[in-house]
Amino acid sequence: METITLIEPVALENFLVTFISAGLVIVAATGYAVCYALSQSRPHAYLRLIAYLCYAILLTSLWVLSRSANFSDSWLLLSLLMAAGYFFAPIGIWHLCTRTHHHQ
């Protein structure tokens, strides 16, 4: 009978780093979206700066996640597409909302 060995995608010593960086990607993306929307509705430059800071944290966390989880090939491409999507989604949603509710 053949034994099947499971591939360990994340080394045990990297598990905590992977877990924290994955969570930070979600928190930073939320912070970016909220601060971007607030910066559009209230003309305060510091809100836009905080939004971009959150996005920089997101990119850094995604880089750490990619390194600690040994992403390569298609997973790395998917991560880059996700980062681009996180950047453009709040902008697109804001434009959609303002054009939809422009007459109100």
PDB file of N, CA and C in Angstrom:
ATOM      1  N   MET A   1       0.835  -1.176   0.000  1.00  0.00           N
ATOM      2  CA  MET A   1       0.000   0.000   0.000  1.00  0.00           C
ATOM      3  C   MET A   1       0.884   1.246   0.000  1.00  0.00           C
ATOM      4  N   GLU A   2       0.504   2.189  -0.780  1.00  0.00           N
ATOM      5  CA  GLU A   2       1.272   3.410  -0.946  1.00  0.00           C
ATOM      6  C   GLU A   2       0.933   4.406   0.160  1.00  0.00           C
ATOM      7  N   THR A   3       1.955   5.032   0.695  1.00  0.00           N
ATOM      8  CA  THR A   3       1.697   6.073   1.697  1.00  0.00           C
ATOM      9  C   THR A   3       1.670   7.431   1.014  1.00  0.00           C
ATOM     10  N   ILE A   4       0.738   8.210   1.438  1.00  0.00           N
ATOM     11  CA  ILE A   4       0.593   9.548   0.876  1.00  0.00           C
ATOM     12  C   ILE A   4       1.149  10.546   1.885  1.00  0.00           C
ATOM     13  N   THR A   5       2.047  11.348   1.435  1.00  0.00           N
ATOM     14  CA  THR A   5       2.593  12.381   2.307  1.00  0.00           C
ATOM     15  C   THR A   5       1.931  13.710   1.967  1.00  0.00           C
ATOM     16  N   LEU A   6       1.485  14.372   2.983  1.00  0.00           N
ATOM     17  CA  LEU A   6       0.856  15.663   2.790  1.00  0.00           C
ATOM     18  C   LEU A   6       1.913  16.750   2.708  1.00  0.00           C
ATOM     19  N   ILE A   7       1.683  17.675   1.836  1.00  0.00           N
ATOM     20  CA  ILE A   7       2.598  18.804   1.692  1.00  0.00           C
ATOM     21  C   ILE A   7       2.190  19.862   2.702  1.00  0.00           C
ATOM     22  N   GLU A   8       3.137  20.311   3.475  1.00  0.00           N
ATOM     23  CA  GLU A   8       2.869  21.352   4.465  1.00  0.00           C
ATOM     24  C   GLU A   8       3.037  22.713   3.795  1.00  0.00           C
ATOM     25  N   PRO A   9       1.918  23.424   3.533  1.00  0.00           N
ATOM     26  CA  PRO A   9       2.034  24.689   2.807  1.00  0.00           C
ATOM     27  C   PRO A   9       2.723  25.786   3.604  1.00  0.00           C
ATOM     28  N   VAL A  10       2.576  25.759   4.912  1.00  0.00           N
ATOM     29  CA  VAL A  10       3.203  26.760   5.763  1.00  0.00           C
ATOM     30  C   VAL A  10       3.995  26.034   6.838  1.00  0.00           C
ATOM     31  N   ALA A  11       5.260  26.361   6.952  1.00  0.00           N
ATOM     32  CA  ALA A  11       6.081  25.744   7.990  1.00  0.00           C
ATOM     33  C   ALA A  11       5.553  26.149   9.359  1.00  0.00           C
ATOM     34  N   LEU A  12       5.652  25.260  10.305  1.00  0.00           N
ATOM     35  CA  LEU A  12       5.122  25.539  11.635  1.00  0.00           C
ATOM     36  C   LEU A  12       5.720  26.786  12.273  1.00  0.00           C
ATOM     37  N   GLU A  13       6.978  27.045  12.021  1.00  0.00           N
ATOM     38  CA  GLU A  13       7.594  28.236  12.606  1.00  0.00           C
ATOM     39  C   GLU A  13       7.085  29.522  11.951  1.00  0.00           C
ATOM     40  N   ASN A  14       6.462  29.414  10.776  1.00  0.00           N
ATOM     41  CA  ASN A  14       5.896  30.580  10.089  1.00  0.00           C
ATOM     42  C   ASN A  14       4.392  30.715  10.280  1.00  0.00           C
ATOM     43  N   PHE A  15       3.785  29.804  11.021  1.00  0.00           N
ATOM     44  CA  PHE A  15       2.333  29.801  11.131  1.00  0.00           C
ATOM     45  C   PHE A  15       1.793  31.081  11.752  1.00  0.00           C
ATOM     46  N   LEU A  16       2.380  31.537  12.846  1.00  0.00           N
ATOM     47  CA  LEU A  16       1.901  32.738  13.515  1.00  0.00           C
ATOM     48  C   LEU A  16       2.083  33.972  12.626  1.00  0.00           C
ATOM     49  N   VAL A  17       3.203  34.054  11.956  1.00  0.00           N
ATOM     50  CA  VAL A  17       3.456  35.179  11.042  1.00  0.00           C
ATOM     51  C   VAL A  17       2.428  35.165   9.912  1.00  0.00           C
ATOM     52  N   THR A  18       2.150  33.994   9.371  1.00  0.00           N
ATOM     53  CA  THR A  18       1.168  33.865   8.292  1.00  0.00           C
ATOM     54  C   THR A  18      -0.221  34.252   8.776  1.00  0.00           C
ATOM     55  N   PHE A  19      -0.585  33.782   9.938  1.00  0.00           N
ATOM     56  CA  PHE A  19      -1.909  34.063  10.509  1.00  0.00           C
ATOM     57  C   PHE A  19      -2.094  35.563  10.752  1.00  0.00           C
ATOM     58  N   ILE A  20      -1.106  36.190  11.359  1.00  0.00           N
ATOM     59  CA  ILE A  20      -1.206  37.624  11.671  1.00  0.00           C
ATOM     60  C   ILE A  20      -1.191  38.463  10.393  1.00  0.00           C
ATOM     61  N   SER A  21      -0.336  38.129   9.448  1.00  0.00           N
ATOM     62  CA  SER A  21      -0.272  38.922   8.218  1.00  0.00           C
ATOM     63  C   SER A  21      -1.551  38.766   7.389  1.00  0.00           C
ATOM     64  N   ALA A  22      -2.147  37.587   7.379  1.00  0.00           N
ATOM     65  CA  ALA A  22      -3.416  37.397   6.660  1.00  0.00           C
ATOM     66  C   ALA A  22      -4.524  38.227   7.299  1.00  0.00           C
ATOM     67  N   GLY A  23      -4.568  38.241   8.622  1.00  0.00           N
ATOM     68  CA  GLY A  23      -5.563  39.074   9.312  1.00  0.00           C
ATOM     69  C   GLY A  23      -5.327  40.548   9.083  1.00  0.00           C
ATOM     70  N   LEU A  24      -4.074  40.949   9.050  1.00  0.00           N
ATOM     71  CA  LEU A  24      -3.737  42.355   8.836  1.00  0.00           C
ATOM     72  C   LEU A  24      -4.087  42.808   7.421  1.00  0.00           C
ATOM     73  N   VAL A  25      -4.030  41.907   6.464  1.00  0.00           N
ATOM     74  CA  VAL A  25      -4.463  42.239   5.100  1.00  0.00           C
ATOM     75  C   VAL A  25      -5.939  42.644   5.126  1.00  0.00           C
ATOM     76  N   ILE A  26      -6.754  41.895   5.823  1.00  0.00           N
ATOM     77  CA  ILE A  26      -8.192  42.183   5.893  1.00  0.00           C
ATOM     78  C   ILE A  26      -8.459  43.475   6.648  1.00  0.00           C
ATOM     79  N   VAL A  27      -7.793  43.668   7.777  1.00  0.00           N
ATOM     80  CA  VAL A  27      -8.001  44.881   8.573  1.00  0.00           C
ATOM     81  C   VAL A  27      -7.522  46.120   7.814  1.00  0.00           C
ATOM     82  N   ALA A  28      -6.371  46.028   7.167  1.00  0.00           N
ATOM     83  CA  ALA A  28      -5.838  47.171   6.414  1.00  0.00           C
ATOM     84  C   ALA A  28      -6.713  47.491   5.207  1.00  0.00           C
ATOM     85  N   ALA A  29      -7.245  46.473   4.547  1.00  0.00           N
ATOM     86  CA  ALA A  29      -8.144  46.711   3.414  1.00  0.00           C
ATOM     87  C   ALA A  29      -9.418  47.408   3.868  1.00  0.00           C
ATOM     88  N   THR A  30      -9.935  47.016   5.007  1.00  0.00           N
ATOM     89  CA  THR A  30     -11.115  47.679   5.561  1.00  0.00           C
ATOM     90  C   THR A  30     -10.803  49.122   5.912  1.00  0.00           C
ATOM     91  N   GLY A  31      -9.660  49.345   6.547  1.00  0.00           N
ATOM     92  CA  GLY A  31      -9.256  50.707   6.892  1.00  0.00           C
ATOM     93  C   GLY A  31      -9.095  51.572   5.661  1.00  0.00           C
ATOM     94  N   TYR A  32      -8.519  51.014   4.603  1.00  0.00           N
ATOM     95  CA  TYR A  32      -8.357  51.765   3.360  1.00  0.00           C
ATOM     96  C   TYR A  32      -9.717  52.144   2.773  1.00  0.00           C
ATOM     97  N   ALA A  33     -10.627  51.185   2.699  1.00  0.00           N
ATOM     98  CA  ALA A  33     -11.937  51.452   2.101  1.00  0.00           C
ATOM     99  C   ALA A  33     -12.714  52.487   2.906  1.00  0.00           C
ATOM    100  N   VAL A  34     -12.709  52.359   4.222  1.00  0.00           N
ATOM    101  CA  VAL A  34     -13.452  53.293   5.071  1.00  0.00           C
ATOM    102  C   VAL A  34     -12.839  54.694   4.993  1.00  0.00           C
ATOM    103  N   CYS A  35     -11.535  54.782   5.125  1.00  0.00           N
ATOM    104  CA  CYS A  35     -10.884  56.102   5.090  1.00  0.00           C
ATOM    105  C   CYS A  35     -10.994  56.746   3.715  1.00  0.00           C
ATOM    106  N   TYR A  36     -10.972  55.934   2.648  1.00  0.00           N
ATOM    107  CA  TYR A  36     -11.141  56.497   1.311  1.00  0.00           C
ATOM    108  C   TYR A  36     -12.549  57.079   1.162  1.00  0.00           C
ATOM    109  N   ALA A  37     -13.557  56.332   1.602  1.00  0.00           N
ATOM    110  CA  ALA A  37     -14.932  56.823   1.502  1.00  0.00           C
ATOM    111  C   ALA A  37     -15.124  58.079   2.342  1.00  0.00           C
ATOM    112  N   LEU A  38     -14.563  58.090   3.534  1.00  0.00           N
ATOM    113  CA  LEU A  38     -14.681  59.282   4.377  1.00  0.00           C
ATOM    114  C   LEU A  38     -13.951  60.469   3.761  1.00  0.00           C
ATOM    115  N   SER A  39     -12.820  60.218   3.124  1.00  0.00           N
ATOM    116  CA  SER A  39     -12.072  61.323   2.507  1.00  0.00           C
ATOM    117  C   SER A  39     -12.823  61.900   1.311  1.00  0.00           C
ATOM    118  N   GLN A  40     -13.654  61.099   0.681  1.00  0.00           N
ATOM    119  CA  GLN A  40     -14.457  61.597  -0.432  1.00  0.00           C
ATOM    120  C   GLN A  40     -15.658  62.403   0.063  1.00  0.00           C
ATOM    121  N   SER A  41     -16.232  61.998   1.174  1.00  0.00           N
ATOM    122  CA  SER A  41     -17.423  62.691   1.672  1.00  0.00           C
ATOM    123  C   SER A  41     -17.076  63.901   2.539  1.00  0.00           C
ATOM    124  N   ARG A  42     -15.892  63.911   3.111  1.00  0.00           N
ATOM    125  CA  ARG A  42     -15.424  65.044   3.926  1.00  0.00           C
ATOM    126  C   ARG A  42     -14.077  65.502   3.363  1.00  0.00           C
ATOM    127  N   PRO A  43     -13.964  66.762   3.044  1.00  0.00           N
ATOM    128  CA  PRO A  43     -12.716  67.228   2.383  1.00  0.00           C
ATOM    129  C   PRO A  43     -11.560  67.443   3.365  1.00  0.00           C
ATOM    130  N   HIS A  44     -11.110  66.361   3.978  1.00  0.00           N
ATOM    131  CA  HIS A  44      -9.952  66.434   4.880  1.00  0.00           C
ATOM    132  C   HIS A  44      -8.811  65.629   4.264  1.00  0.00           C
ATOM    133  N   ALA A  45      -7.690  66.292   4.074  1.00  0.00           N
ATOM    134  CA  ALA A  45      -6.544  65.641   3.433  1.00  0.00           C
ATOM    135  C   ALA A  45      -5.976  64.511   4.298  1.00  0.00           C
ATOM    136  N   TYR A  46      -6.101  64.635   5.613  1.00  0.00           N
ATOM    137  CA  TYR A  46      -5.519  63.605   6.479  1.00  0.00           C
ATOM    138  C   TYR A  46      -6.234  62.260   6.317  1.00  0.00           C
ATOM    139  N   LEU A  47      -7.521  62.284   5.950  1.00  0.00           N
ATOM    140  CA  LEU A  47      -8.236  61.021   5.743  1.00  0.00           C
ATOM    141  C   LEU A  47      -7.698  60.282   4.522  1.00  0.00           C
ATOM    142  N   ARG A  48      -7.385  61.014   3.475  1.00  0.00           N
ATOM    143  CA  ARG A  48      -6.805  60.384   2.282  1.00  0.00           C
ATOM    144  C   ARG A  48      -5.424  59.845   2.606  1.00  0.00           C
ATOM    145  N   LEU A  49      -4.659  60.575   3.398  1.00  0.00           N
ATOM    146  CA  LEU A  49      -3.334  60.122   3.804  1.00  0.00           C
ATOM    147  C   LEU A  49      -3.429  58.839   4.636  1.00  0.00           C
ATOM    148  N   ILE A  50      -4.386  58.790   5.549  1.00  0.00           N
ATOM    149  CA  ILE A  50      -4.587  57.580   6.359  1.00  0.00           C
ATOM    150  C   ILE A  50      -5.020  56.422   5.471  1.00  0.00           C
ATOM    151  N   ALA A  51      -5.863  56.707   4.462  1.00  0.00           N
ATOM    152  CA  ALA A  51      -6.291  55.648   3.538  1.00  0.00           C
ATOM    153  C   ALA A  51      -5.087  55.052   2.814  1.00  0.00           C
ATOM    154  N   TYR A  52      -4.204  55.907   2.323  1.00  0.00           N
ATOM    155  CA  TYR A  52      -3.023  55.404   1.621  1.00  0.00           C
ATOM    156  C   TYR A  52      -2.046  54.708   2.569  1.00  0.00           C
ATOM    157  N   LEU A  53      -1.991  55.144   3.801  1.00  0.00           N
ATOM    158  CA  LEU A  53      -1.177  54.453   4.800  1.00  0.00           C
ATOM    159  C   LEU A  53      -1.729  53.045   5.047  1.00  0.00           C
ATOM    160  N   CYS A  54      -3.042  52.939   5.148  1.00  0.00           N
ATOM    161  CA  CYS A  54      -3.664  51.617   5.303  1.00  0.00           C
ATOM    162  C   CYS A  54      -3.356  50.730   4.106  1.00  0.00           C
ATOM    163  N   TYR A  55      -3.364  51.307   2.910  1.00  0.00           N
ATOM    164  CA  TYR A  55      -3.051  50.518   1.719  1.00  0.00           C
ATOM    165  C   TYR A  55      -1.587  50.075   1.721  1.00  0.00           C
ATOM    166  N   ALA A  56      -0.700  50.937   2.199  1.00  0.00           N
ATOM    167  CA  ALA A  56       0.715  50.549   2.310  1.00  0.00           C
ATOM    168  C   ALA A  56       0.880  49.408   3.310  1.00  0.00           C
ATOM    169  N   ILE A  57       0.126  49.457   4.403  1.00  0.00           N
ATOM    170  CA  ILE A  57       0.154  48.359   5.379  1.00  0.00           C
ATOM    171  C   ILE A  57      -0.374  47.081   4.735  1.00  0.00           C
ATOM    172  N   LEU A  58      -1.427  47.222   3.933  1.00  0.00           N
ATOM    173  CA  LEU A  58      -1.973  46.063   3.221  1.00  0.00           C
ATOM    174  C   LEU A  58      -0.917  45.438   2.310  1.00  0.00           C
ATOM    175  N   LEU A  59      -0.220  46.261   1.535  1.00  0.00           N
ATOM    176  CA  LEU A  59       0.809  45.736   0.631  1.00  0.00           C
ATOM    177  C   LEU A  59       1.947  45.069   1.392  1.00  0.00           C
ATOM    178  N   THR A  60       2.352  45.684   2.493  1.00  0.00           N
ATOM    179  CA  THR A  60       3.420  45.099   3.308  1.00  0.00           C
ATOM    180  C   THR A  60       2.975  43.766   3.905  1.00  0.00           C
ATOM    181  N   SER A  61       1.761  43.726   4.406  1.00  0.00           N
ATOM    182  CA  SER A  61       1.233  42.480   4.978  1.00  0.00           C
ATOM    183  C   SER A  61       1.101  41.401   3.917  1.00  0.00           C
ATOM    184  N   LEU A  62       0.690  41.794   2.721  1.00  0.00           N
ATOM    185  CA  LEU A  62       0.571  40.832   1.640  1.00  0.00           C
ATOM    186  C   LEU A  62       1.940  40.298   1.226  1.00  0.00           C
ATOM    187  N   TRP A  63       2.947  41.154   1.244  1.00  0.00           N
ATOM    188  CA  TRP A  63       4.310  40.709   0.937  1.00  0.00           C
ATOM    189  C   TRP A  63       4.797  39.704   1.987  1.00  0.00           C
ATOM    190  N   VAL A  64       4.554  40.026   3.275  1.00  0.00           N
ATOM    191  CA  VAL A  64       4.952  39.113   4.357  1.00  0.00           C
ATOM    192  C   VAL A  64       4.193  37.793   4.239  1.00  0.00           C
ATOM    193  N   LEU A  65       2.903  37.880   3.946  1.00  0.00           N
ATOM    194  CA  LEU A  65       2.093  36.666   3.782  1.00  0.00           C
ATOM    195  C   LEU A  65       2.617  35.815   2.619  1.00  0.00           C
ATOM    196  N   SER A  66       2.930  36.448   1.517  1.00  0.00           N
ATOM    197  CA  SER A  66       3.438  35.718   0.353  1.00  0.00           C
ATOM    198  C   SER A  66       4.758  35.027   0.646  1.00  0.00           C
ATOM    199  N   ARG A  67       5.608  35.699   1.404  1.00  0.00           N
ATOM    200  CA  ARG A  67       6.902  35.104   1.765  1.00  0.00           C
ATOM    201  C   ARG A  67       6.745  33.969   2.772  1.00  0.00           C
ATOM    202  N   SER A  68       5.925  34.191   3.809  1.00  0.00           N
ATOM    203  CA  SER A  68       5.809  33.183   4.867  1.00  0.00           C
ATOM    204  C   SER A  68       5.016  31.960   4.420  1.00  0.00           C
ATOM    205  N   ALA A  69       4.076  32.149   3.488  1.00  0.00           N
ATOM    206  CA  ALA A  69       3.285  31.017   2.998  1.00  0.00           C
ATOM    207  C   ALA A  69       3.870  30.404   1.731  1.00  0.00           C
ATOM    208  N   ASN A  70       5.042  30.891   1.325  1.00  0.00           N
ATOM    209  CA  ASN A  70       5.747  30.347   0.153  1.00  0.00           C
ATOM    210  C   ASN A  70       4.898  30.408  -1.115  1.00  0.00           C
ATOM    211  N   PHE A  71       4.247  31.535  -1.336  1.00  0.00           N
ATOM    212  CA  PHE A  71       3.452  31.701  -2.550  1.00  0.00           C
ATOM    213  C   PHE A  71       4.377  31.716  -3.756  1.00  0.00           C
ATOM    214  N   SER A  72       3.934  31.107  -4.831  1.00  0.00           N
ATOM    215  CA  SER A  72       4.677  31.159  -6.083  1.00  0.00           C
ATOM    216  C   SER A  72       3.682  31.000  -7.226  1.00  0.00           C
ATOM    217  N   ASP A  73       4.116  31.344  -8.400  1.00  0.00           N
ATOM    218  CA  ASP A  73       3.362  31.179  -9.636  1.00  0.00           C
ATOM    219  C   ASP A  73       1.953  31.753  -9.539  1.00  0.00           C
ATOM    220  N   SER A  74       0.953  30.896  -9.630  1.00  0.00           N
ATOM    221  CA  SER A  74      -0.429  31.374  -9.704  1.00  0.00           C
ATOM    222  C   SER A  74      -0.889  32.025  -8.399  1.00  0.00           C
ATOM    223  N   TRP A  75      -0.391  31.560  -7.266  1.00  0.00           N
ATOM    224  CA  TRP A  75      -0.784  32.179  -5.992  1.00  0.00           C
ATOM    225  C   TRP A  75      -0.215  33.583  -5.870  1.00  0.00           C
ATOM    226  N   LEU A  76       0.981  33.780  -6.357  1.00  0.00           N
ATOM    227  CA  LEU A  76       1.585  35.113  -6.333  1.00  0.00           C
ATOM    228  C   LEU A  76       0.845  36.051  -7.275  1.00  0.00           C
ATOM    229  N   LEU A  77       0.475  35.561  -8.435  1.00  0.00           N
ATOM    230  CA  LEU A  77      -0.311  36.358  -9.376  1.00  0.00           C
ATOM    231  C   LEU A  77      -1.676  36.709  -8.780  1.00  0.00           C
ATOM    232  N   LEU A  78      -2.302  35.746  -8.135  1.00  0.00           N
ATOM    233  CA  LEU A  78      -3.590  35.995  -7.483  1.00  0.00           C
ATOM    234  C   LEU A  78      -3.460  37.044  -6.385  1.00  0.00           C
ATOM    235  N   SER A  79      -2.372  37.021  -5.652  1.00  0.00           N
ATOM    236  CA  SER A  79      -2.137  38.023  -4.610  1.00  0.00           C
ATOM    237  C   SER A  79      -1.982  39.418  -5.207  1.00  0.00           C
ATOM    238  N   LEU A  80      -1.271  39.512  -6.323  1.00  0.00           N
ATOM    239  CA  LEU A  80      -1.106  40.808  -6.990  1.00  0.00           C
ATOM    240  C   LEU A  80      -2.432  41.327  -7.540  1.00  0.00           C
ATOM    241  N   LEU A  81      -3.239  40.438  -8.100  1.00  0.00           N
ATOM    242  CA  LEU A  81      -4.556  40.833  -8.584  1.00  0.00           C
ATOM    243  C   LEU A  81      -5.451  41.283  -7.428  1.00  0.00           C
ATOM    244  N   MET A  82      -5.347  40.594  -6.309  1.00  0.00           N
ATOM    245  CA  MET A  82      -6.121  40.972  -5.126  1.00  0.00           C
ATOM    246  C   MET A  82      -5.704  42.361  -4.642  1.00  0.00           C
ATOM    247  N   ALA A  83      -4.413  42.637  -4.637  1.00  0.00           N
ATOM    248  CA  ALA A  83      -3.936  43.954  -4.201  1.00  0.00           C
ATOM    249  C   ALA A  83      -4.450  45.050  -5.125  1.00  0.00           C
ATOM    250  N   ALA A  84      -4.454  44.792  -6.423  1.00  0.00           N
ATOM    251  CA  ALA A  84      -4.994  45.771  -7.367  1.00  0.00           C
ATOM    252  C   ALA A  84      -6.491  45.945  -7.164  1.00  0.00           C
ATOM    253  N   GLY A  85      -7.195  44.860  -6.928  1.00  0.00           N
ATOM    254  CA  GLY A  85      -8.628  44.930  -6.679  1.00  0.00           C
ATOM    255  C   GLY A  85      -8.955  45.704  -5.422  1.00  0.00           C
ATOM    256  N   TYR A  86      -8.178  45.493  -4.367  1.00  0.00           N
ATOM    257  CA  TYR A  86      -8.386  46.241  -3.121  1.00  0.00           C
ATOM    258  C   TYR A  86      -8.160  47.732  -3.331  1.00  0.00           C
ATOM    259  N   PHE A  87      -7.273  48.099  -4.244  1.00  0.00           N
ATOM    260  CA  PHE A  87      -7.027  49.514  -4.490  1.00  0.00           C
ATOM    261  C   PHE A  87      -8.171  50.147  -5.277  1.00  0.00           C
ATOM    262  N   PHE A  88      -8.602  49.487  -6.346  1.00  0.00           N
ATOM    263  CA  PHE A  88      -9.577  50.095  -7.244  1.00  0.00           C
ATOM    264  C   PHE A  88     -11.034  49.896  -6.826  1.00  0.00           C
ATOM    265  N   ALA A  89     -11.341  48.896  -6.026  1.00  0.00           N
ATOM    266  CA  ALA A  89     -12.735  48.632  -5.648  1.00  0.00           C
ATOM    267  C   ALA A  89     -13.380  49.805  -4.906  1.00  0.00           C
ATOM    268  N   PRO A  90     -12.767  50.379  -3.863  1.00  0.00           N
ATOM    269  CA  PRO A  90     -13.416  51.510  -3.188  1.00  0.00           C
ATOM    270  C   PRO A  90     -13.610  52.722  -4.103  1.00  0.00           C
ATOM    271  N   ILE A  91     -12.673  52.927  -5.014  1.00  0.00           N
ATOM    272  CA  ILE A  91     -12.798  54.045  -5.954  1.00  0.00           C
ATOM    273  C   ILE A  91     -13.991  53.813  -6.878  1.00  0.00           C
ATOM    274  N   GLY A  92     -14.090  52.625  -7.426  1.00  0.00           N
ATOM    275  CA  GLY A  92     -15.208  52.288  -8.308  1.00  0.00           C
ATOM    276  C   GLY A  92     -16.541  52.318  -7.591  1.00  0.00           C
ATOM    277  N   ILE A  93     -16.570  51.802  -6.378  1.00  0.00           N
ATOM    278  CA  ILE A  93     -17.818  51.797  -5.606  1.00  0.00           C
ATOM    279  C   ILE A  93     -18.237  53.220  -5.277  1.00  0.00           C
ATOM    280  N   TRP A  94     -17.279  54.072  -4.949  1.00  0.00           N
ATOM    281  CA  TRP A  94     -17.615  55.468  -4.663  1.00  0.00           C
ATOM    282  C   TRP A  94     -18.234  56.144  -5.886  1.00  0.00           C
ATOM    283  N   HIS A  95     -17.620  55.953  -7.050  1.00  0.00           N
ATOM    284  CA  HIS A  95     -18.151  56.554  -8.275  1.00  0.00           C
ATOM    285  C   HIS A  95     -19.527  55.991  -8.619  1.00  0.00           C
ATOM    286  N   LEU A  96     -19.717  54.710  -8.412  1.00  0.00           N
ATOM    287  CA  LEU A  96     -21.011  54.095  -8.662  1.00  0.00           C
ATOM    288  C   LEU A  96     -22.084  54.691  -7.750  1.00  0.00           C
ATOM    289  N   CYS A  97     -21.753  54.842  -6.487  1.00  0.00           N
ATOM    290  CA  CYS A  97     -22.723  55.401  -5.530  1.00  0.00           C
ATOM    291  C   CYS A  97     -23.054  56.863  -5.837  1.00  0.00           C
ATOM    292  N   THR A  98     -22.048  57.656  -6.163  1.00  0.00           N
ATOM    293  CA  THR A  98     -22.319  59.073  -6.433  1.00  0.00           C
ATOM    294  C   THR A  98     -23.109  59.250  -7.724  1.00  0.00           C
ATOM    295  N   ARG A  99     -22.871  58.433  -8.712  1.00  0.00           N
ATOM    296  CA  ARG A  99     -23.635  58.549  -9.958  1.00  0.00           C
ATOM    297  C   ARG A  99     -25.041  57.994  -9.815  1.00  0.00           C
ATOM    298  N   THR A 100     -25.196  56.986  -8.978  1.00  0.00           N
ATOM    299  CA  THR A 100     -26.524  56.409  -8.763  1.00  0.00           C
ATOM    300  C   THR A 100     -27.403  57.367  -7.966  1.00  0.00           C
ATOM    301  N   HIS A 101     -26.838  58.029  -6.971  1.00  0.00           N
ATOM    302  CA  HIS A 101     -27.602  58.893  -6.075  1.00  0.00           C
ATOM    303  C   HIS A 101     -27.369  60.379  -6.360  1.00  0.00           C
ATOM    304  N   HIS A 102     -26.936  60.708  -7.554  1.00  0.00           N
ATOM    305  CA  HIS A 102     -26.641  62.093  -7.903  1.00  0.00           C
ATOM    306  C   HIS A 102     -27.884  62.978  -7.881  1.00  0.00           C
ATOM    307  N   HIS A 103     -29.009  62.439  -8.269  1.00  0.00           N
ATOM    308  CA  HIS A 103     -30.231  63.227  -8.344  1.00  0.00           C
ATOM    309  C   HIS A 103     -30.900  63.455  -6.989  1.00  0.00           C
ATOM    310  N   GLN A 104     -30.467  62.791  -5.954  1.00  0.00           N
ATOM    311  CA  GLN A 104     -31.120  62.920  -4.641  1.00  0.00           C
ATOM    312  C   GLN A 104     -30.643  64.113  -3.876  1.00  0.00           C
TER     313      GLN A 104
END
